[in-house]
Amino acid sequence: MANTQGPQGNNDPAGSTQMFRAFVDDAPQSRQAAPAASSGPRTGLIVGIVAAVIVVAAVAWLALG
């Protein structure tokens, strides 16, 4: 089905796109900064778990080898 209206900036008939853009524009800055701050400890935790698994695997390999 062809788009006959073209990109002239017509309003969305349902208004959902405009409402979403208004929601994004009105979002407080503190809400956007919170996920970035919480990803740091998770990354450290993941790196720590991976390092612990590598150490346990190395000790098991040396013990069996």
PDB file of N, CA and C in Angstrom:
ATOM      1  N   MET A   1       0.850  -1.164   0.000  1.00  0.00           N
ATOM      2  CA  MET A   1       0.000   0.000   0.000  1.00  0.00           C
ATOM      3  C   MET A   1       0.903   1.237   0.000  1.00  0.00           C
ATOM      4  N   ALA A   2       0.652   2.154  -0.867  1.00  0.00           N
ATOM      5  CA  ALA A   2       1.496   3.336  -1.011  1.00  0.00           C
ATOM      6  C   ALA A   2       1.105   4.419  -0.020  1.00  0.00           C
ATOM      7  N   ASN A   3       2.104   5.149   0.420  1.00  0.00           N
ATOM      8  CA  ASN A   3       1.876   6.285   1.306  1.00  0.00           C
ATOM      9  C   ASN A   3       1.637   7.511   0.435  1.00  0.00           C
ATOM     10  N   THR A   4       0.397   7.946   0.340  1.00  0.00           N
ATOM     11  CA  THR A   4       0.066   9.052  -0.562  1.00  0.00           C
ATOM     12  C   THR A   4       0.182  10.409   0.110  1.00  0.00           C
ATOM     13  N   GLN A   5       0.333  10.448   1.432  1.00  0.00           N
ATOM     14  CA  GLN A   5       0.397  11.724   2.116  1.00  0.00           C
ATOM     15  C   GLN A   5       1.787  12.338   2.060  1.00  0.00           C
ATOM     16  N   GLY A   6       2.832  11.534   2.031  1.00  0.00           N
ATOM     17  CA  GLY A   6       4.186  12.049   1.952  1.00  0.00           C
ATOM     18  C   GLY A   6       4.658  12.617   3.286  1.00  0.00           C
ATOM     19  N   PRO A   7       5.921  12.975   3.354  1.00  0.00           N
ATOM     20  CA  PRO A   7       6.490  13.459   4.622  1.00  0.00           C
ATOM     21  C   PRO A   7       6.351  14.975   4.792  1.00  0.00           C
ATOM     22  N   GLN A   8       5.129  15.502   4.733  1.00  0.00           N
ATOM     23  CA  GLN A   8       4.928  16.941   4.897  1.00  0.00           C
ATOM     24  C   GLN A   8       4.802  17.322   6.365  1.00  0.00           C
ATOM     25  N   GLY A   9       4.994  16.401   7.284  1.00  0.00           N
ATOM     26  CA  GLY A   9       4.845  16.711   8.695  1.00  0.00           C
ATOM     27  C   GLY A   9       3.405  16.683   9.146  1.00  0.00           C
ATOM     28  N   ASN A  10       2.578  15.879   8.508  1.00  0.00           N
ATOM     29  CA  ASN A  10       1.168  15.776   8.902  1.00  0.00           C
ATOM     30  C   ASN A  10       1.060  15.193  10.299  1.00  0.00           C
ATOM     31  N   ASN A  11       0.029  15.575  11.004  1.00  0.00           N
ATOM     32  CA  ASN A  11      -0.204  15.071  12.348  1.00  0.00           C
ATOM     33  C   ASN A  11      -0.624  13.613  12.290  1.00  0.00           C
ATOM     34  N   ASP A  12      -0.200  12.875  13.287  1.00  0.00           N
ATOM     35  CA  ASP A  12      -0.599  11.481  13.429  1.00  0.00           C
ATOM     36  C   ASP A  12      -2.075  11.445  13.801  1.00  0.00           C
ATOM     37  N   PRO A  13      -2.922  10.757  13.029  1.00  0.00           N
ATOM     38  CA  PRO A  13      -4.355  10.760  13.326  1.00  0.00           C
ATOM     39  C   PRO A  13      -4.668  10.240  14.727  1.00  0.00           C
ATOM     40  N   ALA A  14      -3.935   9.245  15.183  1.00  0.00           N
ATOM     41  CA  ALA A  14      -4.203   8.704  16.510  1.00  0.00           C
ATOM     42  C   ALA A  14      -3.555   9.548  17.592  1.00  0.00           C
ATOM     43  N   GLY A  15      -2.554  10.315  17.246  1.00  0.00           N
ATOM     44  CA  GLY A  15      -1.867  11.154  18.212  1.00  0.00           C
ATOM     45  C   GLY A  15      -0.855  10.416  19.052  1.00  0.00           C
ATOM     46  N   SER A  16      -0.660   9.126  18.822  1.00  0.00           N
ATOM     47  CA  SER A  16       0.239   8.358  19.676  1.00  0.00           C
ATOM     48  C   SER A  16       1.692   8.799  19.498  1.00  0.00           C
ATOM     49  N   THR A  17       2.099   9.104  18.290  1.00  0.00           N
ATOM     50  CA  THR A  17       3.472   9.535  18.067  1.00  0.00           C
ATOM     51  C   THR A  17       3.728  10.863  18.758  1.00  0.00           C
ATOM     52  N   GLN A  18       2.791  11.783  18.648  1.00  0.00           N
ATOM     53  CA  GLN A  18       2.968  13.087  19.284  1.00  0.00           C
ATOM     54  C   GLN A  18       2.956  12.949  20.804  1.00  0.00           C
ATOM     55  N   MET A  19       2.113  12.075  21.313  1.00  0.00           N
ATOM     56  CA  MET A  19       2.068  11.876  22.762  1.00  0.00           C
ATOM     57  C   MET A  19       3.368  11.248  23.251  1.00  0.00           C
ATOM     58  N   PHE A  20       3.939  10.325  22.487  1.00  0.00           N
ATOM     59  CA  PHE A  20       5.204   9.716  22.875  1.00  0.00           C
ATOM     60  C   PHE A  20       6.328  10.741  22.863  1.00  0.00           C
ATOM     61  N   ARG A  21       6.365  11.569  21.828  1.00  0.00           N
ATOM     62  CA  ARG A  21       7.397  12.599  21.767  1.00  0.00           C
ATOM     63  C   ARG A  21       7.271  13.571  22.927  1.00  0.00           C
ATOM     64  N   ALA A  22       6.050  13.924  23.301  1.00  0.00           N
ATOM     65  CA  ALA A  22       5.847  14.813  24.434  1.00  0.00           C
ATOM     66  C   ALA A  22       6.309  14.139  25.728  1.00  0.00           C
ATOM     67  N   PHE A  23       6.060  12.844  25.853  1.00  0.00           N
ATOM     68  CA  PHE A  23       6.498  12.106  27.036  1.00  0.00           C
ATOM     69  C   PHE A  23       8.010  12.083  27.131  1.00  0.00           C
ATOM     70  N   VAL A  24       8.682  11.833  26.016  1.00  0.00           N
ATOM     71  CA  VAL A  24      10.140  11.785  26.012  1.00  0.00           C
ATOM     72  C   VAL A  24      10.714  13.159  26.317  1.00  0.00           C
ATOM     73  N   ASP A  25      10.124  14.208  25.750  1.00  0.00           N
ATOM     74  CA  ASP A  25      10.629  15.558  25.978  1.00  0.00           C
ATOM     75  C   ASP A  25      10.418  16.010  27.415  1.00  0.00           C
ATOM     76  N   ASP A  26       9.365  15.522  28.080  1.00  0.00           N
ATOM     77  CA  ASP A  26       9.052  15.948  29.434  1.00  0.00           C
ATOM     78  C   ASP A  26       9.701  15.079  30.500  1.00  0.00           C
ATOM     79  N   ALA A  27      10.441  14.029  30.113  1.00  0.00           N
ATOM     80  CA  ALA A  27      11.044  13.129  31.090  1.00  0.00           C
ATOM     81  C   ALA A  27      12.087  13.888  31.912  1.00  0.00           C
ATOM     82  N   PRO A  28      12.072  13.744  33.231  1.00  0.00           N
ATOM     83  CA  PRO A  28      13.064  14.429  34.058  1.00  0.00           C
ATOM     84  C   PRO A  28      14.466  13.862  33.827  1.00  0.00           C
ATOM     85  N   GLN A  29      15.468  14.687  33.989  1.00  0.00           N
ATOM     86  CA  GLN A  29      16.845  14.267  33.746  1.00  0.00           C
ATOM     87  C   GLN A  29      17.312  13.239  34.778  1.00  0.00           C
ATOM     88  N   SER A  30      16.839  13.322  36.017  1.00  0.00           N
ATOM     89  CA  SER A  30      17.279  12.379  37.045  1.00  0.00           C
ATOM     90  C   SER A  30      16.811  10.962  36.727  1.00  0.00           C
ATOM     91  N   ARG A  31      15.669  10.830  36.090  1.00  0.00           N
ATOM     92  CA  ARG A  31      15.162   9.511  35.729  1.00  0.00           C
ATOM     93  C   ARG A  31      16.046   8.881  34.655  1.00  0.00           C
ATOM     94  N   GLN A  32      16.575   9.676  33.750  1.00  0.00           N
ATOM     95  CA  GLN A  32      17.421   9.149  32.691  1.00  0.00           C
ATOM     96  C   GLN A  32      18.809   8.802  33.206  1.00  0.00           C
ATOM     97  N   ALA A  33      19.298   9.475  34.235  1.00  0.00           N
ATOM     98  CA  ALA A  33      20.637   9.227  34.750  1.00  0.00           C
ATOM     99  C   ALA A  33      20.687   7.986  35.644  1.00  0.00           C
ATOM    100  N   ALA A  34      19.577   7.586  36.237  1.00  0.00           N
ATOM    101  CA  ALA A  34      19.573   6.470  37.173  1.00  0.00           C
ATOM    102  C   ALA A  34      19.982   5.143  36.531  1.00  0.00           C
ATOM    103  N   PRO A  35      19.487   4.762  35.341  1.00  0.00           N
ATOM    104  CA  PRO A  35      19.922   3.484  34.771  1.00  0.00           C
ATOM    105  C   PRO A  35      21.409   3.452  34.464  1.00  0.00           C
ATOM    106  N   ALA A  36      22.001   4.558  34.077  1.00  0.00           N
ATOM    107  CA  ALA A  36      23.432   4.573  33.763  1.00  0.00           C
ATOM    108  C   ALA A  36      24.246   4.342  35.032  1.00  0.00           C
ATOM    109  N   ALA A  37      23.800   4.887  36.161  1.00  0.00           N
ATOM    110  CA  ALA A  37      24.533   4.722  37.407  1.00  0.00           C
ATOM    111  C   ALA A  37      24.407   3.295  37.933  1.00  0.00           C
ATOM    112  N   SER A  38      23.278   2.642  37.722  1.00  0.00           N
ATOM    113  CA  SER A  38      23.089   1.301  38.251  1.00  0.00           C
ATOM    114  C   SER A  38      23.779   0.240  37.399  1.00  0.00           C
ATOM    115  N   SER A  39      24.176   0.568  36.175  1.00  0.00           N
ATOM    116  CA  SER A  39      24.825  -0.436  35.337  1.00  0.00           C
ATOM    117  C   SER A  39      26.264  -0.676  35.773  1.00  0.00           C
ATOM    118  N   GLY A  40      26.879   0.268  36.485  1.00  0.00           N
ATOM    119  CA  GLY A  40      28.259   0.120  36.946  1.00  0.00           C
ATOM    120  C   GLY A  40      28.438  -1.048  37.894  1.00  0.00           C
ATOM    121  N   PRO A  41      27.684  -1.125  38.985  1.00  0.00           N
ATOM    122  CA  PRO A  41      27.840  -2.250  39.915  1.00  0.00           C
ATOM    123  C   PRO A  41      27.512  -3.596  39.269  1.00  0.00           C
ATOM    124  N   ARG A  42      26.553  -3.618  38.361  1.00  0.00           N
ATOM    125  CA  ARG A  42      26.237  -4.885  37.691  1.00  0.00           C
ATOM    126  C   ARG A  42      27.408  -5.346  36.838  1.00  0.00           C
ATOM    127  N   THR A  43      28.053  -4.412  36.157  1.00  0.00           N
ATOM    128  CA  THR A  43      29.199  -4.770  35.324  1.00  0.00           C
ATOM    129  C   THR A  43      30.322  -5.313  36.194  1.00  0.00           C
ATOM    130  N   GLY A  44      30.573  -4.677  37.330  1.00  0.00           N
ATOM    131  CA  GLY A  44      31.608  -5.157  38.247  1.00  0.00           C
ATOM    132  C   GLY A  44      31.281  -6.538  38.781  1.00  0.00           C
ATOM    133  N   LEU A  45      30.030  -6.765  39.080  1.00  0.00           N
ATOM    134  CA  LEU A  45      29.610  -8.072  39.587  1.00  0.00           C
ATOM    135  C   LEU A  45      29.819  -9.154  38.536  1.00  0.00           C
ATOM    136  N   ILE A  46      29.465  -8.863  37.301  1.00  0.00           N
ATOM    137  CA  ILE A  46      29.638  -9.835  36.217  1.00  0.00           C
ATOM    138  C   ILE A  46      31.117 -10.142  35.999  1.00  0.00           C
ATOM    139  N   VAL A  47      31.953  -9.099  36.001  1.00  0.00           N
ATOM    140  CA  VAL A  47      33.394  -9.304  35.817  1.00  0.00           C
ATOM    141  C   VAL A  47      33.958 -10.128  36.969  1.00  0.00           C
ATOM    142  N   GLY A  48      33.497  -9.870  38.199  1.00  0.00           N
ATOM    143  CA  GLY A  48      33.959 -10.638  39.349  1.00  0.00           C
ATOM    144  C   GLY A  48      33.574 -12.104  39.264  1.00  0.00           C
ATOM    145  N   ILE A  49      32.360 -12.369  38.823  1.00  0.00           N
ATOM    146  CA  ILE A  49      31.909 -13.764  38.690  1.00  0.00           C
ATOM    147  C   ILE A  49      32.713 -14.488  37.621  1.00  0.00           C
ATOM    148  N   VAL A  50      32.943 -13.810  36.491  1.00  0.00           N
ATOM    149  CA  VAL A  50      33.728 -14.428  35.412  1.00  0.00           C
ATOM    150  C   VAL A  50      35.156 -14.705  35.893  1.00  0.00           C
ATOM    151  N   ALA A  51      35.747 -13.768  36.622  1.00  0.00           N
ATOM    152  CA  ALA A  51      37.104 -13.972  37.137  1.00  0.00           C
ATOM    153  C   ALA A  51      37.142 -15.135  38.117  1.00  0.00           C
ATOM    154  N   ALA A  52      36.139 -15.259  38.990  1.00  0.00           N
ATOM    155  CA  ALA A  52      36.091 -16.359  39.945  1.00  0.00           C
ATOM    156  C   ALA A  52      35.962 -17.705  39.241  1.00  0.00           C
ATOM    157  N   VAL A  53      35.156 -17.753  38.187  1.00  0.00           N
ATOM    158  CA  VAL A  53      35.004 -19.003  37.429  1.00  0.00           C
ATOM    159  C   VAL A  53      36.325 -19.375  36.766  1.00  0.00           C
ATOM    160  N   ILE A  54      37.046 -18.391  36.245  1.00  0.00           N
ATOM    161  CA  ILE A  54      38.336 -18.669  35.605  1.00  0.00           C
ATOM    162  C   ILE A  54      39.341 -19.180  36.632  1.00  0.00           C
ATOM    163  N   VAL A  55      39.357 -18.583  37.813  1.00  0.00           N
ATOM    164  CA  VAL A  55      40.290 -19.027  38.857  1.00  0.00           C
ATOM    165  C   VAL A  55      39.957 -20.448  39.290  1.00  0.00           C
ATOM    166  N   VAL A  56      38.682 -20.748  39.495  1.00  0.00           N
ATOM    167  CA  VAL A  56      38.289 -22.100  39.911  1.00  0.00           C
ATOM    168  C   VAL A  56      38.642 -23.107  38.816  1.00  0.00           C
ATOM    169  N   ALA A  57      38.426 -22.745  37.568  1.00  0.00           N
ATOM    170  CA  ALA A  57      38.776 -23.654  36.465  1.00  0.00           C
ATOM    171  C   ALA A  57      40.281 -23.875  36.401  1.00  0.00           C
ATOM    172  N   ALA A  58      41.064 -22.831  36.609  1.00  0.00           N
ATOM    173  CA  ALA A  58      42.529 -22.982  36.576  1.00  0.00           C
ATOM    174  C   ALA A  58      43.018 -23.870  37.717  1.00  0.00           C
ATOM    175  N   VAL A  59      42.460 -23.713  38.917  1.00  0.00           N
ATOM    176  CA  VAL A  59      42.857 -24.539  40.048  1.00  0.00           C
ATOM    177  C   VAL A  59      42.468 -25.982  39.800  1.00  0.00           C
ATOM    178  N   ALA A  60      41.270 -26.221  39.261  1.00  0.00           N
ATOM    179  CA  ALA A  60      40.844 -27.589  38.964  1.00  0.00           C
ATOM    180  C   ALA A  60      41.732 -28.203  37.891  1.00  0.00           C
ATOM    181  N   TRP A  61      42.116 -27.427  36.895  1.00  0.00           N
ATOM    182  CA  TRP A  61      42.973 -27.954  35.826  1.00  0.00           C
ATOM    183  C   TRP A  61      44.358 -28.315  36.365  1.00  0.00           C
ATOM    184  N   LEU A  62      44.891 -27.458  37.256  1.00  0.00           N
ATOM    185  CA  LEU A  62      46.205 -27.755  37.851  1.00  0.00           C
ATOM    186  C   LEU A  62      46.116 -28.955  38.785  1.00  0.00           C
ATOM    187  N   ALA A  63      45.020 -29.109  39.514  1.00  0.00           N
ATOM    188  CA  ALA A  63      44.885 -30.222  40.431  1.00  0.00           C
ATOM    189  C   ALA A  63      44.730 -31.545  39.693  1.00  0.00           C
ATOM    190  N   LEU A  64      44.049 -31.542  38.566  1.00  0.00           N
ATOM    191  CA  LEU A  64      43.840 -32.780  37.828  1.00  0.00           C
ATOM    192  C   LEU A  64      44.974 -33.088  36.857  1.00  0.00           C
ATOM    193  N   GLY A  65      45.768 -32.083  36.530  1.00  0.00           N
ATOM    194  CA  GLY A  65      46.806 -32.255  35.503  1.00  0.00           C
ATOM    195  C   GLY A  65      48.115 -32.732  35.976  1.00  0.00           C
TER     196      GLY A  65
END
